[in-house]
Amino acid sequence: MKYAFVFAGQGAQYPGMGQEFYQQFTYVQNLYDKASKILGFDVPSLCFQESELLSQTKYTQPCMLVTSCAIYEVVKNELQITPIVAAGFSLGEYSALYASNIFDFQTIVKLIQYRATFMNEDAENYPGKMAAFIGIDLKYLESLCEEIGGVQIANFNSPQQLVISGKIDSVDQVIRFAEGKARKVIPLNVSGAFHTPLMQQASIKLYDEVIKMPYNNPHFDVIANFNALPYDINNLAQTMKKQVTSPVRWIDTINYIVNNYQIDGFIEIGPGKVLSGLIKKINPNVKVISINDMNDLQILREEINEFK
């Protein structure tokens, strides 16, 4: 069977994420141990226990990356399957870059630490916020953001869900003006205006780090957030730079994969089932399986065996 793998983003973290796989597989424990040494903090403790630190970008991003990479290794090793194409939502794109072998584990952990640190600095220096809109007209929201200024659509999650990001006053103005135009508005619990020009300094610093890092040709295509097209390995650093300040074009990404790859379905890698829900809203006809624990792994194993 041919699968596209999608890797979860920051909004999916929860205490205990990845814990079953950590308890079951020695090679997963080794990954967490290696990450802890690189990052300088105890990754298993932050992932498996209640901690206020997990809400901070500089901890959330590395913990999400390690969890997703570990789950990917479990799926690959225990079920002997690899994707024919992959994508990741925001920081999940780094897990996809690891899975495709563009970066090895040590390098991708260092890069996500840089990304998280630089974005956290920009969030402190240039305060901002984000809000999700359910059931609002895209053209109306785009024109409202343009008219107010200092705010833009940051995540094109699904036809029914859009996320804006920008300066605090600008986001608040959009929320006020759009009241009654959306079915629901949800202010997001994030520390900054991610995927906007307010992250410009972070993107420049990240670029300076990426160009120093060793990389490999991909084993399979990774679809980039910022343009919903396969990564060009010759413009790797530039693409990763643009990802920090550009919107996540998730609708276009899923449509591109469905239209250009002969897949049997999507496998969501990482904590939670956020992406599965979004994919179903983008294309109700595609099959999606989320892998969060040993039970999910068994369900996927049975599906593969049935296909054989």
Protein backbone atom coordinates (compact mmCIF):
# COMPACT_ATOMS: atom_id res chain seq x y z
CA MET A 1 0.00 0.00 0.00
CA LYS A 2 1.14 3.54 -0.73
CA TYR A 3 0.84 6.10 2.03
CA ALA A 4 1.44 9.79 2.49
CA PHE A 5 2.68 10.58 5.99
CA VAL A 6 1.70 13.84 7.68
CA PHE A 7 3.43 15.04 10.85
CA ALA A 8 1.62 16.90 13.63
CA GLY A 9 2.28 20.51 14.61
CA GLN A 10 2.44 22.44 17.85
CA GLY A 11 -1.24 22.38 18.76
CA ALA A 12 -1.29 18.61 19.31
CA GLN A 13 0.93 18.21 22.38
CA TYR A 14 -0.36 16.61 25.58
CA PRO A 15 1.19 14.94 28.67
CA GLY A 16 2.05 11.30 27.99
CA MET A 17 2.54 11.73 24.25
CA GLY A 18 4.64 8.89 22.86
CA GLN A 19 4.96 7.20 26.25
CA GLU A 20 3.67 3.76 25.21
CA PHE A 21 6.25 3.54 22.44
CA TYR A 22 8.99 4.70 24.82
CA GLN A 23 8.08 1.92 27.26
CA GLN A 24 7.88 -0.71 24.53
CA PHE A 25 10.93 -0.14 22.30
CA THR A 26 14.58 0.28 23.28
CA TYR A 27 15.42 2.16 20.08
CA VAL A 28 12.77 4.75 20.99
CA GLN A 29 14.35 5.18 24.44
CA ASN A 30 17.68 5.69 22.70
CA LEU A 31 16.21 8.48 20.56
CA TYR A 32 14.85 10.29 23.61
CA ASP A 33 18.17 9.88 25.44
CA LYS A 34 20.09 11.25 22.46
CA ALA A 35 17.70 14.21 22.20
CA SER A 36 18.03 14.98 25.92
CA LYS A 37 21.81 15.17 25.62
CA ILE A 38 21.61 17.49 22.59
CA LEU A 39 18.93 19.76 24.06
CA GLY A 40 20.22 19.88 27.63
CA PHE A 41 16.91 18.97 29.30
CA ASP A 42 15.04 15.77 30.16
CA VAL A 43 12.79 15.19 27.13
CA PRO A 44 10.89 12.14 28.53
CA SER A 45 9.93 14.06 31.69
CA LEU A 46 8.52 16.97 29.70
CA CYS A 47 6.67 14.71 27.25
CA PHE A 48 5.20 12.27 29.76
CA GLN A 49 4.33 14.43 32.78
CA GLU A 50 2.28 17.57 33.39
CA SER A 51 4.57 20.57 32.97
CA GLU A 52 4.01 24.27 32.38
CA LEU A 53 7.21 24.26 30.33
CA LEU A 54 5.47 22.27 27.61
CA SER A 55 3.43 25.36 26.73
CA GLN A 56 6.60 27.33 25.97
CA THR A 57 7.72 27.32 22.34
CA LYS A 58 11.36 26.59 23.12
CA TYR A 59 10.30 23.33 24.82
CA THR A 60 7.19 22.47 22.83
CA GLN A 61 8.87 22.33 19.44
CA PRO A 62 11.72 19.96 20.39
CA CYS A 63 9.37 17.69 22.37
CA MET A 64 6.92 17.48 19.48
CA LEU A 65 9.74 16.75 17.04
CA VAL A 66 11.22 13.95 19.16
CA THR A 67 7.78 12.38 19.70
CA SER A 68 6.97 12.43 15.99
CA CYS A 69 10.38 11.09 14.96
CA ALA A 70 10.04 8.28 17.50
CA ILE A 71 6.57 7.29 16.27
CA TYR A 72 7.83 7.39 12.69
CA GLU A 73 10.66 5.00 13.60
CA VAL A 74 8.16 2.63 15.22
CA VAL A 75 5.91 2.59 12.14
CA LYS A 76 8.89 2.10 9.86
CA ASN A 77 10.56 -0.62 11.91
CA GLU A 78 7.56 -2.57 13.18
CA LEU A 79 5.41 -2.44 10.03
CA GLN A 80 8.16 -2.09 7.39
CA ILE A 81 6.45 0.80 5.62
CA THR A 82 7.76 4.17 4.54
CA PRO A 83 5.79 6.94 2.85
CA ILE A 84 5.96 7.79 -0.83
CA VAL A 85 5.50 11.46 0.10
CA ALA A 86 5.35 13.43 3.36
CA ALA A 87 4.33 16.79 4.75
CA GLY A 88 4.32 18.33 8.21
CA PHE A 89 2.20 21.07 9.72
CA SER A 90 4.45 23.98 10.77
CA LEU A 91 7.10 22.45 13.07
CA GLY A 92 5.91 19.04 11.84
CA GLU A 93 7.72 19.82 8.60
CA TYR A 94 10.98 19.18 10.47
CA SER A 95 9.86 15.65 11.31
CA ALA A 96 9.11 15.13 7.61
CA LEU A 97 12.60 16.37 6.71
CA TYR A 98 14.03 13.81 9.15
CA ALA A 99 11.83 10.98 7.85
CA SER A 100 12.91 11.66 4.27
CA ASN A 101 16.59 11.49 5.38
CA ILE A 102 17.36 15.07 4.36
CA PHE A 103 18.68 15.58 7.91
CA ASP A 104 19.84 12.98 10.40
CA PHE A 105 18.39 12.92 13.91
CA GLN A 106 21.14 14.91 15.61
CA THR A 107 20.98 17.66 12.98
CA ILE A 108 17.19 17.98 12.97
CA VAL A 109 17.10 18.19 16.78
CA LYS A 110 19.69 20.99 16.71
CA LEU A 111 17.73 22.80 13.98
CA ILE A 112 14.42 22.59 15.83
CA GLN A 113 16.16 23.93 18.94
CA TYR A 114 17.45 26.87 16.92
CA ARG A 115 14.01 27.44 15.38
CA ALA A 116 12.26 27.31 18.75
CA THR A 117 14.80 29.59 20.44
CA PHE A 118 14.78 32.18 17.65
CA MET A 119 10.99 32.19 17.38
CA ASN A 120 10.69 32.55 21.15
CA GLU A 121 13.02 35.56 21.03
CA ASP A 122 10.91 37.20 18.32
CA ALA A 123 7.72 36.44 20.25
CA GLU A 124 9.16 38.31 23.25
CA ASN A 125 10.54 41.21 21.20
CA TYR A 126 7.55 41.61 18.87
CA PRO A 127 4.42 40.62 20.80
CA GLY A 128 1.61 39.06 18.82
CA LYS A 129 -1.26 36.62 18.96
CA MET A 130 -3.25 34.19 16.83
CA ALA A 131 -6.94 33.31 16.48
CA ALA A 132 -8.83 30.60 14.62
CA PHE A 133 -11.99 31.36 12.63
CA ILE A 134 -14.52 28.62 11.96
CA GLY A 135 -16.96 29.13 9.10
CA ILE A 136 -15.90 32.48 7.62
CA ASP A 137 -15.54 33.61 4.03
CA LEU A 138 -11.89 33.52 2.93
CA LYS A 139 -12.06 36.61 0.71
CA TYR A 140 -13.75 38.62 3.45
CA LEU A 141 -11.14 37.64 6.04
CA GLU A 142 -8.25 38.34 3.65
CA SER A 143 -9.58 41.80 2.78
CA LEU A 144 -10.20 42.61 6.45
CA CYS A 145 -6.63 41.66 7.38
CA GLU A 146 -5.26 43.74 4.51
CA GLU A 147 -7.38 46.75 5.48
CA ILE A 148 -6.37 46.65 9.16
CA GLY A 149 -2.70 45.79 8.55
CA GLY A 150 -0.23 44.04 10.82
CA VAL A 151 -2.14 40.78 10.57
CA GLN A 152 -2.50 38.01 7.98
CA ILE A 153 -3.94 34.56 7.48
CA ALA A 154 -1.24 32.30 8.89
CA ASN A 155 -2.83 28.85 8.55
CA PHE A 156 -5.11 27.71 5.75
CA ASN A 157 -6.20 24.68 7.78
CA SER A 158 -9.34 23.59 5.93
CA PRO A 159 -12.13 25.22 3.91
CA GLN A 160 -13.98 25.75 7.21
CA GLN A 161 -11.02 26.79 9.40
CA LEU A 162 -8.60 29.69 8.96
CA VAL A 163 -6.12 31.10 11.47
CA ILE A 164 -4.96 34.72 11.61
CA SER A 165 -1.72 35.91 13.19
CA GLY A 166 -0.13 39.30 13.82
CA LYS A 167 0.16 42.25 16.17
CA ILE A 168 -2.08 42.02 19.22
CA ASP A 169 -4.15 45.15 18.43
CA SER A 170 -4.54 44.12 14.79
CA VAL A 171 -5.76 40.62 15.65
CA ASP A 172 -8.18 42.06 18.20
CA GLN A 173 -9.55 44.47 15.58
CA VAL A 174 -10.12 41.66 13.09
CA ILE A 175 -11.94 39.66 15.77
CA ARG A 176 -14.19 42.65 16.55
CA PHE A 177 -14.99 43.45 12.92
CA ALA A 178 -15.57 39.79 12.02
CA GLU A 179 -17.96 39.21 14.91
CA GLY A 180 -21.13 37.72 13.46
CA LYS A 181 -19.39 36.85 10.19
CA ALA A 182 -17.82 33.65 11.58
CA ARG A 183 -19.55 30.65 13.13
CA LYS A 184 -16.91 30.62 15.88
CA VAL A 185 -13.75 32.53 16.82
CA ILE A 186 -11.14 30.88 19.05
CA PRO A 187 -8.16 32.88 20.42
CA LEU A 188 -5.20 30.48 20.42
CA ASN A 189 -2.99 29.81 23.42
CA VAL A 190 0.32 30.58 21.72
CA SER A 191 3.22 32.80 22.70
CA GLY A 192 3.63 34.79 19.49
CA ALA A 193 2.53 35.73 15.98
CA PHE A 194 3.87 32.68 14.18
CA HIS A 195 4.02 32.47 10.37
CA THR A 196 4.08 36.25 9.93
CA PRO A 197 6.77 38.89 9.24
CA LEU A 198 7.01 39.40 13.03
CA MET A 199 9.20 36.26 12.89
CA GLN A 200 11.58 37.86 10.38
CA GLN A 201 14.64 37.92 12.63
CA ALA A 202 14.08 34.28 13.56
CA SER A 203 13.93 33.30 9.89
CA ILE A 204 17.23 35.06 9.13
CA LYS A 205 19.02 33.48 12.11
CA LEU A 206 17.65 30.06 11.18
CA TYR A 207 18.87 30.44 7.60
CA ASP A 208 22.37 31.18 8.91
CA GLU A 209 22.31 27.91 10.86
CA VAL A 210 20.79 25.72 8.13
CA ILE A 211 23.46 26.63 5.58
CA LYS A 212 26.10 25.21 7.95
CA MET A 213 24.37 21.85 8.35
CA PRO A 214 25.07 18.62 6.41
CA TYR A 215 22.14 17.26 4.40
CA ASN A 216 21.23 14.41 2.05
CA ASN A 217 19.08 13.96 -1.01
CA PRO A 218 15.53 13.01 0.07
CA HIS A 219 14.32 9.40 -0.02
CA PHE A 220 10.89 10.77 -0.97
CA ASP A 221 9.28 14.15 -1.61
CA VAL A 222 8.50 16.52 1.26
CA ILE A 223 5.81 19.08 0.46
CA ALA A 224 6.71 22.51 1.81
CA ASN A 225 4.27 24.57 3.89
CA PHE A 226 4.96 27.91 2.27
CA ASN A 227 4.16 26.98 -1.36
CA ALA A 228 2.61 23.46 -1.18
CA LEU A 229 5.23 22.11 -3.60
CA PRO A 230 8.03 19.52 -3.15
CA TYR A 231 11.18 20.76 -1.44
CA ASP A 232 13.93 21.76 -3.84
CA ILE A 233 17.06 20.39 -2.19
CA ASN A 234 19.12 23.11 -3.90
CA ASN A 235 17.10 25.79 -2.07
CA LEU A 236 16.83 23.99 1.26
CA ALA A 237 17.90 26.84 3.54
CA GLN A 238 15.80 29.40 1.68
CA THR A 239 12.68 27.21 1.91
CA MET A 240 13.18 26.67 5.64
CA LYS A 241 13.69 30.41 6.08
CA LYS A 242 10.43 31.23 4.26
CA GLN A 243 8.50 28.67 6.30
CA VAL A 244 8.96 30.73 9.48
CA THR A 245 7.28 33.89 8.12
CA SER A 246 4.90 32.45 5.51
CA PRO A 247 1.42 30.96 5.91
CA VAL A 248 0.95 27.20 6.25
CA ARG A 249 -0.93 26.28 3.06
CA TRP A 250 -2.35 23.03 4.38
CA ILE A 251 -5.38 22.88 2.06
CA ASP A 252 -3.15 23.22 -1.01
CA THR A 253 -0.67 20.72 0.45
CA ILE A 254 -3.27 17.97 0.91
CA ASN A 255 -4.83 18.65 -2.50
CA TYR A 256 -1.38 18.54 -4.14
CA ILE A 257 -0.61 15.17 -2.58
CA VAL A 258 -3.98 13.67 -3.54
CA ASN A 259 -3.73 14.97 -7.10
CA ASN A 260 -0.07 14.08 -7.77
CA TYR A 261 0.64 10.82 -5.89
CA GLN A 262 -1.20 7.53 -6.17
CA ILE A 263 -1.76 7.09 -2.44
CA ASP A 264 -4.05 4.66 -0.65
CA GLY A 265 -4.37 7.02 2.29
CA PHE A 266 -2.72 9.31 4.85
CA ILE A 267 -1.02 8.25 8.07
CA GLU A 268 -0.86 10.97 10.72
CA ILE A 269 2.33 10.71 12.77
CA GLY A 270 2.59 12.48 16.12
CA PRO A 271 0.39 13.20 19.12
CA GLY A 272 -3.29 13.92 18.64
CA LYS A 273 -5.62 13.67 15.65
CA VAL A 274 -5.75 17.31 14.57
CA LEU A 275 -4.46 16.71 11.05
CA SER A 276 -6.77 13.76 10.48
CA GLY A 277 -9.73 16.02 11.18
CA LEU A 278 -8.44 18.74 8.86
CA ILE A 279 -7.71 16.28 6.03
CA LYS A 280 -11.23 14.86 6.26
CA LYS A 281 -12.64 18.38 5.92
CA ILE A 282 -10.41 19.08 2.91
CA ASN A 283 -11.17 15.77 1.18
CA PRO A 284 -13.83 13.54 2.82
CA ASN A 285 -13.05 10.68 0.42
CA VAL A 286 -9.48 9.94 1.52
CA LYS A 287 -8.57 7.42 4.20
CA VAL A 288 -6.70 8.74 7.26
CA ILE A 289 -5.18 6.80 10.16
CA SER A 290 -3.64 8.46 13.26
CA ILE A 291 -0.84 6.75 15.17
CA ASN A 292 -0.74 7.75 18.83
CA ASP A 293 -0.30 4.50 20.75
CA MET A 294 0.15 0.72 20.47
CA ASN A 295 -3.54 0.19 19.71
CA ASP A 296 -3.32 2.52 16.70
CA LEU A 297 -0.25 0.64 15.53
CA GLN A 298 -2.13 -2.66 15.71
CA ILE A 299 -5.03 -1.25 13.68
CA LEU A 300 -2.62 -0.17 10.96
CA ARG A 301 -0.86 -3.55 11.07
CA GLU A 302 -4.20 -5.35 10.54
CA GLU A 303 -5.07 -3.10 7.61
CA ILE A 304 -1.72 -3.81 5.94
CA ASN A 305 -2.07 -7.57 6.51
CA GLU A 306 -5.61 -7.51 5.10
CA PHE A 307 -4.37 -5.74 1.98
CA LYS A 308 -1.66 -8.40 1.49
